[in-house]
Amino acid sequence: MSDAIQRTATSQSVVKIRPDREIATQQRLPYFVGLSAQSAGTRELSMYLIVVPPGGHAEPHSHRGYETGIYVLEGSVETRYGAGLRESVITGAGDFLFIPPGVPHQPFNLSETTPARAIVARTLADETEQIVPYDPSVDG
């Protein structure tokens, strides 16, 4: 941990973070940690850059006890959600998406050639994912 990050954990300070590593996630998508309790001393917020590879998708899941806001930087993503993942919304660059706690969902990159990139903000400061895997066939 760098000196700047250590100071942040014990004092109120402005912190600049440049993600320098990808973390493995249960969703099997590349995440780059920006703000979190570990990186910047946040208490109730985390922010990440997520990349959905061309033709890629996350595993079906829901979030345990925290809200998620997504801002799409580039690409086009279909997010299937709800019981059996039967509902759908498509987001593109400039769109925001809100996912309440406990709502099952699964994002798909609609392009076979271009990655989709988005900023993800959560009302959870921990870098550790707290997701619940979801089997859409159970509600299907």
Protein backbone atom coordinates (compact mmCIF):
# COMPACT_ATOMS: atom_id res chain seq x y z
CA MET A 1 0.00 0.00 0.00
CA SER A 2 1.42 3.40 -0.92
CA ASP A 3 2.05 6.19 1.60
CA ALA A 4 -0.78 8.27 0.08
CA ILE A 5 -3.27 5.46 0.51
CA GLN A 6 -2.13 4.78 4.08
CA ARG A 7 -2.56 8.47 4.97
CA THR A 8 -6.02 8.45 3.44
CA ALA A 9 -7.18 5.68 5.72
CA THR A 10 -6.41 7.75 8.82
CA SER A 11 -7.07 11.32 7.69
CA GLN A 12 -9.57 13.27 5.64
CA SER A 13 -7.88 13.97 2.36
CA VAL A 14 -8.52 14.08 -1.36
CA VAL A 15 -7.21 10.92 -2.99
CA LYS A 16 -6.31 10.31 -6.62
CA ILE A 17 -6.44 6.71 -7.80
CA ARG A 18 -5.35 5.36 -11.17
CA PRO A 19 -6.32 1.69 -11.48
CA ASP A 20 -3.18 -0.30 -12.16
CA ARG A 21 -4.52 -3.81 -11.83
CA GLU A 22 -7.44 -5.90 -12.88
CA ILE A 23 -9.19 -7.94 -10.22
CA ALA A 24 -10.76 -11.34 -10.77
CA THR A 25 -14.48 -11.31 -10.08
CA GLN A 26 -17.20 -13.88 -9.58
CA GLN A 27 -18.89 -12.37 -12.62
CA ARG A 28 -15.87 -13.32 -14.77
CA LEU A 29 -15.45 -9.80 -16.15
CA PRO A 30 -12.40 -7.54 -15.88
CA TYR A 31 -12.81 -4.98 -13.07
CA PHE A 32 -10.36 -2.17 -12.41
CA VAL A 33 -10.67 -0.86 -8.86
CA GLY A 34 -10.93 2.89 -8.57
CA LEU A 35 -12.34 3.93 -5.21
CA SER A 36 -12.90 1.58 -2.28
CA ALA A 37 -12.21 1.31 1.43
CA GLN A 38 -8.92 -0.40 0.60
CA SER A 39 -7.74 1.99 -2.13
CA ALA A 40 -9.03 5.37 -0.91
CA GLY A 41 -10.49 4.94 2.56
CA THR A 42 -14.12 5.22 1.45
CA ARG A 43 -16.80 4.26 3.95
CA GLU A 44 -19.96 3.70 1.89
CA LEU A 45 -18.89 3.89 -1.76
CA SER A 46 -16.86 2.00 -4.32
CA MET A 47 -16.28 2.77 -7.98
CA TYR A 48 -14.84 0.56 -10.69
CA LEU A 49 -14.19 0.46 -14.39
CA ILE A 50 -15.72 -2.69 -15.86
CA VAL A 51 -14.94 -4.04 -19.32
CA VAL A 52 -17.29 -6.47 -21.05
CA PRO A 53 -15.26 -8.14 -23.81
CA PRO A 54 -16.69 -8.37 -27.34
CA GLY A 55 -19.57 -10.86 -27.26
CA GLY A 56 -19.01 -11.29 -23.52
CA HIS A 57 -21.36 -11.33 -20.57
CA ALA A 58 -21.38 -11.54 -16.80
CA GLU A 59 -22.73 -14.53 -14.91
CA PRO A 60 -26.37 -14.14 -13.78
CA HIS A 61 -26.41 -12.68 -10.26
CA SER A 62 -27.90 -10.23 -7.80
CA HIS A 63 -26.26 -7.85 -5.33
CA ARG A 64 -26.57 -8.59 -1.63
CA GLY A 65 -27.62 -5.46 0.28
CA TYR A 66 -26.23 -2.66 -1.88
CA GLU A 67 -27.35 -0.43 -4.73
CA THR A 68 -25.45 -0.24 -8.00
CA GLY A 69 -25.25 2.63 -10.47
CA ILE A 70 -23.71 2.14 -13.90
CA TYR A 71 -22.63 4.76 -16.44
CA VAL A 72 -21.83 3.38 -19.89
CA LEU A 73 -18.73 5.00 -21.40
CA GLU A 74 -18.68 3.09 -24.67
CA GLY A 75 -20.38 0.18 -26.33
CA SER A 76 -23.88 -1.22 -26.17
CA VAL A 77 -25.03 -3.55 -23.40
CA GLU A 78 -28.23 -5.51 -23.00
CA THR A 79 -29.04 -6.15 -19.35
CA ARG A 80 -31.54 -8.91 -18.78
CA TYR A 81 -33.17 -8.72 -15.36
CA GLY A 82 -35.99 -9.80 -13.09
CA ALA A 83 -37.53 -13.23 -12.55
CA GLY A 84 -36.10 -15.64 -15.11
CA LEU A 85 -34.19 -12.69 -16.64
CA ARG A 86 -37.27 -12.15 -18.84
CA GLU A 87 -37.08 -8.34 -18.87
CA SER A 88 -34.43 -6.40 -20.77
CA VAL A 89 -32.97 -2.93 -21.17
CA ILE A 90 -30.30 -1.78 -23.63
CA THR A 91 -27.84 0.92 -22.60
CA GLY A 92 -25.25 2.73 -24.67
CA ALA A 93 -22.64 5.42 -24.23
CA GLY A 94 -24.04 8.22 -22.07
CA ASP A 95 -26.74 6.10 -20.40
CA PHE A 96 -27.09 5.51 -16.66
CA LEU A 97 -28.54 2.30 -15.20
CA PHE A 98 -29.69 1.73 -11.61
CA ILE A 99 -29.89 -1.78 -10.15
CA PRO A 100 -31.57 -2.12 -6.74
CA PRO A 101 -30.33 -4.69 -4.21
CA GLY A 102 -31.59 -8.22 -4.81
CA VAL A 103 -32.67 -7.78 -8.46
CA PRO A 104 -31.27 -10.63 -10.58
CA HIS A 105 -29.56 -9.43 -13.75
CA GLN A 106 -27.04 -10.33 -16.43
CA PRO A 107 -25.33 -7.88 -18.83
CA PHE A 108 -24.37 -8.86 -22.39
CA ASN A 109 -22.08 -6.90 -24.73
CA LEU A 110 -24.05 -6.60 -27.98
CA SER A 111 -20.92 -6.15 -30.10
CA GLU A 112 -18.84 -9.09 -31.32
CA THR A 113 -15.89 -6.78 -32.15
CA THR A 114 -15.75 -3.95 -29.58
CA PRO A 115 -15.47 -4.08 -25.78
CA ALA A 116 -18.07 -2.23 -23.73
CA ARG A 117 -16.76 -0.07 -20.87
CA ALA A 118 -18.67 1.35 -17.93
CA ILE A 119 -18.14 3.02 -14.58
CA VAL A 120 -19.82 1.11 -11.76
CA ALA A 121 -20.60 2.76 -8.40
CA ARG A 122 -21.83 0.76 -5.41
CA THR A 123 -23.07 1.70 -1.96
CA LEU A 124 -20.54 -0.75 -0.55
CA ALA A 125 -16.96 0.31 0.15
CA ASP A 126 -15.41 -3.17 0.20
CA GLU A 127 -13.59 -4.32 -2.93
CA THR A 128 -14.84 -7.85 -2.36
CA GLU A 129 -17.85 -8.69 -4.49
CA GLN A 130 -20.89 -9.61 -2.50
CA ILE A 131 -23.04 -11.14 -5.17
CA VAL A 132 -25.48 -13.99 -5.12
CA PRO A 133 -25.32 -16.31 -8.15
CA TYR A 134 -28.69 -16.61 -9.87
CA ASP A 135 -30.14 -19.50 -11.85
CA PRO A 136 -32.77 -18.08 -14.23
CA SER A 137 -34.28 -21.53 -14.80
CA VAL A 138 -35.50 -21.55 -11.19
CA ASP A 139 -37.87 -18.64 -11.93
CA GLY A 140 -38.36 -19.61 -15.58
